[in-house]
């Protein structure tokens, strides 16, 4: 069964494409692309990112964890990143 959907915002377009019967690489993917915005600092052209559903779930888990509120004992002004 094929399924696809897109969500549009002013700055981004989010898309999902799933095929439950296909085992082919790339059959289940998530895309995030910027929308062109003249005169805006966010986007001078369009840039796209494609990831597998598995990678998107890992991103979702990371965002769910990191975007929980309230921030307990977190230094909001810190620019530290883990590599």
PDB file of N, CA and C in Angstrom:
ATOM      1  N   UNK A   1       0.837  -1.175   0.000  1.00  0.00           N
ATOM      2  CA  UNK A   1       0.000   0.000   0.000  1.00  0.00           C
ATOM      3  C   UNK A   1       0.887   1.245   0.000  1.00  0.00           C
ATOM      4  N   UNK A   2       0.626   2.168  -0.901  1.00  0.00           N
ATOM      5  CA  UNK A   2       1.385   3.406  -0.989  1.00  0.00           C
ATOM      6  C   UNK A   2       0.715   4.501  -0.184  1.00  0.00           C
ATOM      7  N   UNK A   3       1.534   5.332   0.456  1.00  0.00           N
ATOM      8  CA  UNK A   3       1.028   6.469   1.215  1.00  0.00           C
ATOM      9  C   UNK A   3       2.009   7.617   1.053  1.00  0.00           C
ATOM     10  N   UNK A   4       1.503   8.796   0.798  1.00  0.00           N
ATOM     11  CA  UNK A   4       2.352   9.980   0.777  1.00  0.00           C
ATOM     12  C   UNK A   4       1.545  11.175   1.274  1.00  0.00           C
ATOM     13  N   UNK A   5       2.258  12.104   1.881  1.00  0.00           N
ATOM     14  CA  UNK A   5       1.612  13.288   2.423  1.00  0.00           C
ATOM     15  C   UNK A   5       2.649  14.398   2.534  1.00  0.00           C
ATOM     16  N   UNK A   6       2.186  15.640   2.480  1.00  0.00           N
ATOM     17  CA  UNK A   6       3.068  16.785   2.639  1.00  0.00           C
ATOM     18  C   UNK A   6       2.416  17.809   3.552  1.00  0.00           C
ATOM     19  N   UNK A   7       3.259  18.518   4.295  1.00  0.00           N
ATOM     20  CA  UNK A   7       2.820  19.626   5.132  1.00  0.00           C
ATOM     21  C   UNK A   7       3.663  20.823   4.745  1.00  0.00           C
ATOM     22  N   UNK A   8       2.991  21.941   4.527  1.00  0.00           N
ATOM     23  CA  UNK A   8       3.666  23.159   4.099  1.00  0.00           C
ATOM     24  C   UNK A   8       3.605  24.202   5.202  1.00  0.00           C
ATOM     25  N   UNK A   9       4.729  24.849   5.462  1.00  0.00           N
ATOM     26  CA  UNK A   9       4.760  26.023   6.316  1.00  0.00           C
ATOM     27  C   UNK A   9       5.382  27.148   5.502  1.00  0.00           C
ATOM     28  N   UNK A  10       5.470  28.309   6.074  1.00  0.00           N
ATOM     29  CA  UNK A  10       6.034  29.446   5.348  1.00  0.00           C
ATOM     30  C   UNK A  10       7.477  29.177   4.922  1.00  0.00           C
ATOM     31  N   UNK A  11       8.244  28.501   5.769  1.00  0.00           N
ATOM     32  CA  UNK A  11       9.666  28.294   5.494  1.00  0.00           C
ATOM     33  C   UNK A  11      10.026  26.902   4.999  1.00  0.00           C
ATOM     34  N   UNK A  12       9.208  25.897   5.316  1.00  0.00           N
ATOM     35  CA  UNK A  12       9.588  24.516   5.014  1.00  0.00           C
ATOM     36  C   UNK A  12       8.438  23.718   4.413  1.00  0.00           C
ATOM     37  N   UNK A  13       8.820  22.674   3.685  1.00  0.00           N
ATOM     38  CA  UNK A  13       7.876  21.664   3.222  1.00  0.00           C
ATOM     39  C   UNK A  13       8.365  20.325   3.765  1.00  0.00           C
ATOM     40  N   UNK A  14       7.476  19.615   4.448  1.00  0.00           N
ATOM     41  CA  UNK A  14       7.780  18.303   5.017  1.00  0.00           C
ATOM     42  C   UNK A  14       7.001  17.265   4.224  1.00  0.00           C
ATOM     43  N   UNK A  15       7.655  16.183   3.878  1.00  0.00           N
ATOM     44  CA  UNK A  15       6.972  15.147   3.114  1.00  0.00           C
ATOM     45  C   UNK A  15       7.294  13.759   3.621  1.00  0.00           C
ATOM     46  N   UNK A  16       6.372  12.840   3.401  1.00  0.00           N
ATOM     47  CA  UNK A  16       6.594  11.436   3.737  1.00  0.00           C
ATOM     48  C   UNK A  16       6.081  10.597   2.576  1.00  0.00           C
ATOM     49  N   UNK A  17       6.820   9.557   2.263  1.00  0.00           N
ATOM     50  CA  UNK A  17       6.431   8.616   1.217  1.00  0.00           C
ATOM     51  C   UNK A  17       6.695   7.215   1.758  1.00  0.00           C
ATOM     52  N   UNK A  18       5.640   6.394   1.830  1.00  0.00           N
ATOM     53  CA  UNK A  18       5.783   5.046   2.375  1.00  0.00           C
ATOM     54  C   UNK A  18       5.166   4.034   1.432  1.00  0.00           C
ATOM     55  N   UNK A  19       5.813   2.889   1.338  1.00  0.00           N
ATOM     56  CA  UNK A  19       5.310   1.763   0.554  1.00  0.00           C
ATOM     57  C   UNK A  19       5.488   0.523   1.423  1.00  0.00           C
ATOM     58  N   UNK A  20       4.404   0.041   1.999  1.00  0.00           N
ATOM     59  CA  UNK A  20       4.487  -1.059   2.956  1.00  0.00           C
ATOM     60  C   UNK A  20       4.891  -2.390   2.321  1.00  0.00           C
ATOM     61  N   UNK A  21       4.759  -2.516   1.013  1.00  0.00           N
ATOM     62  CA  UNK A  21       5.099  -3.788   0.371  1.00  0.00           C
ATOM     63  C   UNK A  21       6.494  -3.795  -0.240  1.00  0.00           C
ATOM     64  N   UNK A  22       7.117  -2.631  -0.380  1.00  0.00           N
ATOM     65  CA  UNK A  22       8.427  -2.559  -1.017  1.00  0.00           C
ATOM     66  C   UNK A  22       9.548  -2.695   0.005  1.00  0.00           C
ATOM     67  N   UNK A  23      10.574  -3.418  -0.373  1.00  0.00           N
ATOM     68  CA  UNK A  23      11.766  -3.542   0.457  1.00  0.00           C
ATOM     69  C   UNK A  23      12.942  -2.849  -0.232  1.00  0.00           C
ATOM     70  N   UNK A  24      12.644  -2.057  -1.225  1.00  0.00           N
ATOM     71  CA  UNK A  24      13.659  -1.349  -1.989  1.00  0.00           C
ATOM     72  C   UNK A  24      14.152  -0.140  -1.199  1.00  0.00           C
ATOM     73  N   UNK A  25      15.464   0.119  -1.256  1.00  0.00           N
ATOM     74  CA  UNK A  25      16.039   1.277  -0.579  1.00  0.00           C
ATOM     75  C   UNK A  25      15.400   2.556  -1.103  1.00  0.00           C
ATOM     76  N   UNK A  26      15.018   3.424  -0.203  1.00  0.00           N
ATOM     77  CA  UNK A  26      14.416   4.689  -0.594  1.00  0.00           C
ATOM     78  C   UNK A  26      12.919   4.643  -0.774  1.00  0.00           C
ATOM     79  N   UNK A  27      12.310   3.467  -0.602  1.00  0.00           N
ATOM     80  CA  UNK A  27      10.864   3.359  -0.788  1.00  0.00           C
ATOM     81  C   UNK A  27      10.102   4.046   0.344  1.00  0.00           C
ATOM     82  N   UNK A  28      10.705   4.108   1.511  1.00  0.00           N
ATOM     83  CA  UNK A  28      10.109   4.765   2.673  1.00  0.00           C
ATOM     84  C   UNK A  28      11.025   5.916   3.068  1.00  0.00           C
ATOM     85  N   UNK A  29      10.604   7.135   2.782  1.00  0.00           N
ATOM     86  CA  UNK A  29      11.495   8.260   3.038  1.00  0.00           C
ATOM     87  C   UNK A  29      10.747   9.483   3.549  1.00  0.00           C
ATOM     88  N   UNK A  30      11.497  10.331   4.226  1.00  0.00           N
ATOM     89  CA  UNK A  30      11.027  11.599   4.754  1.00  0.00           C
ATOM     90  C   UNK A  30      11.857  12.690   4.083  1.00  0.00           C
ATOM     91  N   UNK A  31      11.205  13.758   3.671  1.00  0.00           N
ATOM     92  CA  UNK A  31      11.934  14.874   3.084  1.00  0.00           C
ATOM     93  C   UNK A  31      11.589  16.167   3.831  1.00  0.00           C
ATOM     94  N   UNK A  32      12.592  17.000   3.961  1.00  0.00           N
ATOM     95  CA  UNK A  32      12.424  18.344   4.507  1.00  0.00           C
ATOM     96  C   UNK A  32      13.122  19.270   3.522  1.00  0.00           C
ATOM     97  N   UNK A  33      12.395  20.238   3.014  1.00  0.00           N
ATOM     98  CA  UNK A  33      13.020  21.171   2.083  1.00  0.00           C
ATOM     99  C   UNK A  33      12.622  22.597   2.437  1.00  0.00           C
ATOM    100  N   UNK A  34      13.527  23.516   2.138  1.00  0.00           N
ATOM    101  CA  UNK A  34      13.238  24.921   2.388  1.00  0.00           C
ATOM    102  C   UNK A  34      12.430  25.470   1.234  1.00  0.00           C
ATOM    103  N   UNK A  35      11.605  26.437   1.532  1.00  0.00           N
ATOM    104  CA  UNK A  35      10.839  27.125   0.502  1.00  0.00           C
ATOM    105  C   UNK A  35      11.561  28.421   0.154  1.00  0.00           C
ATOM    106  N   UNK A  36      11.638  28.767  -1.108  1.00  0.00           N
ATOM    107  CA  UNK A  36      12.323  29.997  -1.477  1.00  0.00           C
ATOM    108  C   UNK A  36      11.599  31.204  -0.883  1.00  0.00           C
ATOM    109  N   UNK A  37      12.376  32.122  -0.353  1.00  0.00           N
ATOM    110  CA  UNK A  37      11.790  33.315   0.256  1.00  0.00           C
ATOM    111  C   UNK A  37      12.639  34.526  -0.127  1.00  0.00           C
ATOM    112  N   UNK A  38      12.159  35.291  -1.051  1.00  0.00           N
ATOM    113  CA  UNK A  38      12.884  36.486  -1.467  1.00  0.00           C
ATOM    114  C   UNK A  38      12.893  37.501  -0.340  1.00  0.00           C
ATOM    115  N   UNK A  39      14.052  38.114  -0.134  1.00  0.00           N
ATOM    116  CA  UNK A  39      14.167  39.142   0.870  1.00  0.00           C
ATOM    117  C   UNK A  39      14.173  38.618   2.294  1.00  0.00           C
ATOM    118  N   UNK A  40      14.267  37.327   2.479  1.00  0.00           N
ATOM    119  CA  UNK A  40      14.299  36.745   3.820  1.00  0.00           C
ATOM    120  C   UNK A  40      15.686  36.194   4.090  1.00  0.00           C
ATOM    121  N   UNK A  41      16.094  36.226   5.338  1.00  0.00           N
ATOM    122  CA  UNK A  41      17.414  35.732   5.696  1.00  0.00           C
ATOM    123  C   UNK A  41      17.473  34.206   5.809  1.00  0.00           C
ATOM    124  N   UNK A  42      16.322  33.557   5.852  1.00  0.00           N
ATOM    125  CA  UNK A  42      16.296  32.121   6.103  1.00  0.00           C
ATOM    126  C   UNK A  42      16.653  31.285   4.891  1.00  0.00           C
ATOM    127  N   UNK A  43      16.296  31.731   3.722  1.00  0.00           N
ATOM    128  CA  UNK A  43      16.464  30.885   2.551  1.00  0.00           C
ATOM    129  C   UNK A  43      16.713  31.733   1.320  1.00  0.00           C
ATOM    130  N   UNK A  44      17.844  31.485   0.672  1.00  0.00           N
ATOM    131  CA  UNK A  44      18.123  32.198  -0.566  1.00  0.00           C
ATOM    132  C   UNK A  44      17.801  31.338  -1.769  1.00  0.00           C
ATOM    133  N   UNK A  45      17.705  30.069  -1.578  1.00  0.00           N
ATOM    134  CA  UNK A  45      17.336  29.121  -2.622  1.00  0.00           C
ATOM    135  C   UNK A  45      16.572  28.009  -1.959  1.00  0.00           C
ATOM    136  N   UNK A  46      16.616  26.850  -2.535  1.00  0.00           N
ATOM    137  CA  UNK A  46      15.975  25.728  -1.864  1.00  0.00           C
ATOM    138  C   UNK A  46      17.025  24.682  -1.531  1.00  0.00           C
ATOM    139  N   UNK A  47      16.879  24.093  -0.382  1.00  0.00           N
ATOM    140  CA  UNK A  47      17.773  23.043   0.088  1.00  0.00           C
ATOM    141  C   UNK A  47      16.891  21.907   0.567  1.00  0.00           C
ATOM    142  N   UNK A  48      17.274  20.690   0.253  1.00  0.00           N
ATOM    143  CA  UNK A  48      16.462  19.549   0.653  1.00  0.00           C
ATOM    144  C   UNK A  48      17.260  18.528   1.429  1.00  0.00           C
ATOM    145  N   UNK A  49      16.569  17.800   2.263  1.00  0.00           N
ATOM    146  CA  UNK A  49      17.151  16.732   3.060  1.00  0.00           C
ATOM    147  C   UNK A  49      16.219  15.534   2.956  1.00  0.00           C
ATOM    148  N   UNK A  50      16.774  14.389   2.638  1.00  0.00           N
ATOM    149  CA  UNK A  50      15.980  13.161   2.563  1.00  0.00           C
ATOM    150  C   UNK A  50      16.582  12.148   3.523  1.00  0.00           C
ATOM    151  N   UNK A  51      15.713  11.481   4.274  1.00  0.00           N
ATOM    152  CA  UNK A  51      16.183  10.462   5.203  1.00  0.00           C
ATOM    153  C   UNK A  51      15.208   9.294   5.215  1.00  0.00           C
ATOM    154  N   UNK A  52      15.688   8.182   5.694  1.00  0.00           N
ATOM    155  CA  UNK A  52      14.819   7.009   5.802  1.00  0.00           C
ATOM    156  C   UNK A  52      13.861   7.214   6.975  1.00  0.00           C
ATOM    157  N   UNK A  53      12.808   6.416   7.009  1.00  0.00           N
ATOM    158  CA  UNK A  53      11.863   6.486   8.114  1.00  0.00           C
ATOM    159  C   UNK A  53      12.574   6.134   9.422  1.00  0.00           C
ATOM    160  N   UNK A  54      13.492   5.188   9.385  1.00  0.00           N
ATOM    161  CA  UNK A  54      14.264   4.819  10.580  1.00  0.00           C
ATOM    162  C   UNK A  54      15.084   6.007  11.077  1.00  0.00           C
ATOM    163  N   UNK A  55      15.744   6.718  10.172  1.00  0.00           N
ATOM    164  CA  UNK A  55      16.512   7.903  10.559  1.00  0.00           C
ATOM    165  C   UNK A  55      15.596   8.998  11.098  1.00  0.00           C
ATOM    166  N   UNK A  56      14.426   9.147  10.491  1.00  0.00           N
ATOM    167  CA  UNK A  56      13.466  10.154  10.946  1.00  0.00           C
ATOM    168  C   UNK A  56      12.964   9.833  12.351  1.00  0.00           C
ATOM    169  N   UNK A  57      12.777   8.545  12.648  1.00  0.00           N
ATOM    170  CA  UNK A  57      12.351   8.161  13.992  1.00  0.00           C
ATOM    171  C   UNK A  57      13.441   8.461  15.020  1.00  0.00           C
ATOM    172  N   UNK A  58      14.704   8.282  14.640  1.00  0.00           N
ATOM    173  CA  UNK A  58      15.808   8.633  15.535  1.00  0.00           C
ATOM    174  C   UNK A  58      15.828  10.147  15.772  1.00  0.00           C
ATOM    175  N   UNK A  59      15.606  10.926  14.716  1.00  0.00           N
ATOM    176  CA  UNK A  59      15.528  12.387  14.853  1.00  0.00           C
ATOM    177  C   UNK A  59      14.353  12.773  15.740  1.00  0.00           C
ATOM    178  N   UNK A  60      13.203  12.139  15.540  1.00  0.00           N
ATOM    179  CA  UNK A  60      12.016  12.416  16.351  1.00  0.00           C
ATOM    180  C   UNK A  60      12.297  12.147  17.829  1.00  0.00           C
ATOM    181  N   UNK A  61      12.934  11.033  18.121  1.00  0.00           N
ATOM    182  CA  UNK A  61      13.261  10.687  19.498  1.00  0.00           C
ATOM    183  C   UNK A  61      14.186  11.738  20.114  1.00  0.00           C
ATOM    184  N   UNK A  62      15.196  12.148  19.365  1.00  0.00           N
ATOM    185  CA  UNK A  62      16.123  13.175  19.824  1.00  0.00           C
ATOM    186  C   UNK A  62      15.391  14.484  20.101  1.00  0.00           C
ATOM    187  N   UNK A  63      14.553  14.913  19.169  1.00  0.00           N
ATOM    188  CA  UNK A  63      13.822  16.171  19.348  1.00  0.00           C
ATOM    189  C   UNK A  63      12.836  16.089  20.510  1.00  0.00           C
ATOM    190  N   UNK A  64      12.131  14.976  20.639  1.00  0.00           N
ATOM    191  CA  UNK A  64      11.195  14.813  21.753  1.00  0.00           C
ATOM    192  C   UNK A  64      11.914  14.926  23.086  1.00  0.00           C
ATOM    193  N   UNK A  65      13.101  14.339  23.179  1.00  0.00           N
ATOM    194  CA  UNK A  65      13.879  14.394  24.407  1.00  0.00           C
ATOM    195  C   UNK A  65      14.396  15.805  24.670  1.00  0.00           C
ATOM    196  N   UNK A  66      14.953  16.424  23.654  1.00  0.00           N
ATOM    197  CA  UNK A  66      15.603  17.723  23.827  1.00  0.00           C
ATOM    198  C   UNK A  66      14.635  18.895  23.920  1.00  0.00           C
ATOM    199  N   UNK A  67      13.429  18.734  23.418  1.00  0.00           N
ATOM    200  CA  UNK A  67      12.478  19.842  23.425  1.00  0.00           C
ATOM    201  C   UNK A  67      11.450  19.742  24.548  1.00  0.00           C
ATOM    202  N   UNK A  68      11.665  18.831  25.485  1.00  0.00           N
ATOM    203  CA  UNK A  68      10.765  18.721  26.622  1.00  0.00           C
ATOM    204  C   UNK A  68      10.888  19.962  27.492  1.00  0.00           C
ATOM    205  N   UNK A  69       9.760  20.391  28.042  1.00  0.00           N
ATOM    206  CA  UNK A  69       9.754  21.548  28.931  1.00  0.00           C
ATOM    207  C   UNK A  69       9.224  21.127  30.276  1.00  0.00           C
ATOM    208  N   UNK A  70       9.582  21.709  31.378  1.00  0.00           N
ATOM    209  CA  UNK A  70      10.571  22.777  31.507  1.00  0.00           C
ATOM    210  C   UNK A  70      11.992  22.219  31.431  1.00  0.00           C
ATOM    211  N   UNK A  71      12.914  23.088  31.094  1.00  0.00           N
ATOM    212  CA  UNK A  71      14.318  22.698  31.044  1.00  0.00           C
ATOM    213  C   UNK A  71      14.833  22.631  32.474  1.00  0.00           C
ATOM    214  N   UNK A  72      15.140  21.452  32.927  1.00  0.00           N
ATOM    215  CA  UNK A  72      15.604  21.263  34.304  1.00  0.00           C
ATOM    216  C   UNK A  72      17.103  21.480  34.389  1.00  0.00           C
ATOM    217  N   UNK A  73      17.503  22.497  35.115  1.00  0.00           N
ATOM    218  CA  UNK A  73      18.920  22.803  35.361  1.00  0.00           C
ATOM    219  C   UNK A  73      19.748  22.911  34.085  1.00  0.00           C
ATOM    220  N   UNK A  74      19.145  23.306  33.000  1.00  0.00           N
ATOM    221  CA  UNK A  74      19.875  23.444  31.735  1.00  0.00           C
ATOM    222  C   UNK A  74      20.310  24.882  31.564  1.00  0.00           C
ATOM    223  N   UNK A  75      21.521  25.050  31.071  1.00  0.00           N
ATOM    224  CA  UNK A  75      22.035  26.377  30.777  1.00  0.00           C
ATOM    225  C   UNK A  75      21.557  26.752  29.384  1.00  0.00           C
ATOM    226  N   UNK A  76      20.532  27.556  29.285  1.00  0.00           N
ATOM    227  CA  UNK A  76      19.904  27.901  28.009  1.00  0.00           C
ATOM    228  C   UNK A  76      20.871  28.671  27.120  1.00  0.00           C
ATOM    229  N   UNK A  77      21.788  29.439  27.715  1.00  0.00           N
ATOM    230  CA  UNK A  77      22.721  30.256  26.941  1.00  0.00           C
ATOM    231  C   UNK A  77      23.924  29.468  26.446  1.00  0.00           C
ATOM    232  N   UNK A  78      24.027  28.225  26.792  1.00  0.00           N
ATOM    233  CA  UNK A  78      25.184  27.416  26.412  1.00  0.00           C
ATOM    234  C   UNK A  78      25.134  27.051  24.934  1.00  0.00           C
ATOM    235  N   UNK A  79      26.290  27.127  24.285  1.00  0.00           N
ATOM    236  CA  UNK A  79      26.403  26.751  22.881  1.00  0.00           C
ATOM    237  C   UNK A  79      27.125  25.425  22.721  1.00  0.00           C
ATOM    238  N   UNK A  80      27.158  24.604  23.738  1.00  0.00           N
ATOM    239  CA  UNK A  80      27.893  23.350  23.672  1.00  0.00           C
ATOM    240  C   UNK A  80      27.154  22.343  22.811  1.00  0.00           C
ATOM    241  N   UNK A  81      27.929  21.589  22.049  1.00  0.00           N
ATOM    242  CA  UNK A  81      27.368  20.525  21.222  1.00  0.00           C
ATOM    243  C   UNK A  81      28.206  19.277  21.411  1.00  0.00           C
ATOM    244  N   UNK A  82      27.554  18.147  21.412  1.00  0.00           N
ATOM    245  CA  UNK A  82      28.268  16.866  21.489  1.00  0.00           C
ATOM    246  C   UNK A  82      28.480  16.356  20.086  1.00  0.00           C
ATOM    247  N   UNK A  83      29.626  15.770  19.882  1.00  0.00           N
ATOM    248  CA  UNK A  83      29.921  15.198  18.572  1.00  0.00           C
ATOM    249  C   UNK A  83      30.074  13.723  18.705  1.00  0.00           C
TER     250      UNK A  83
END
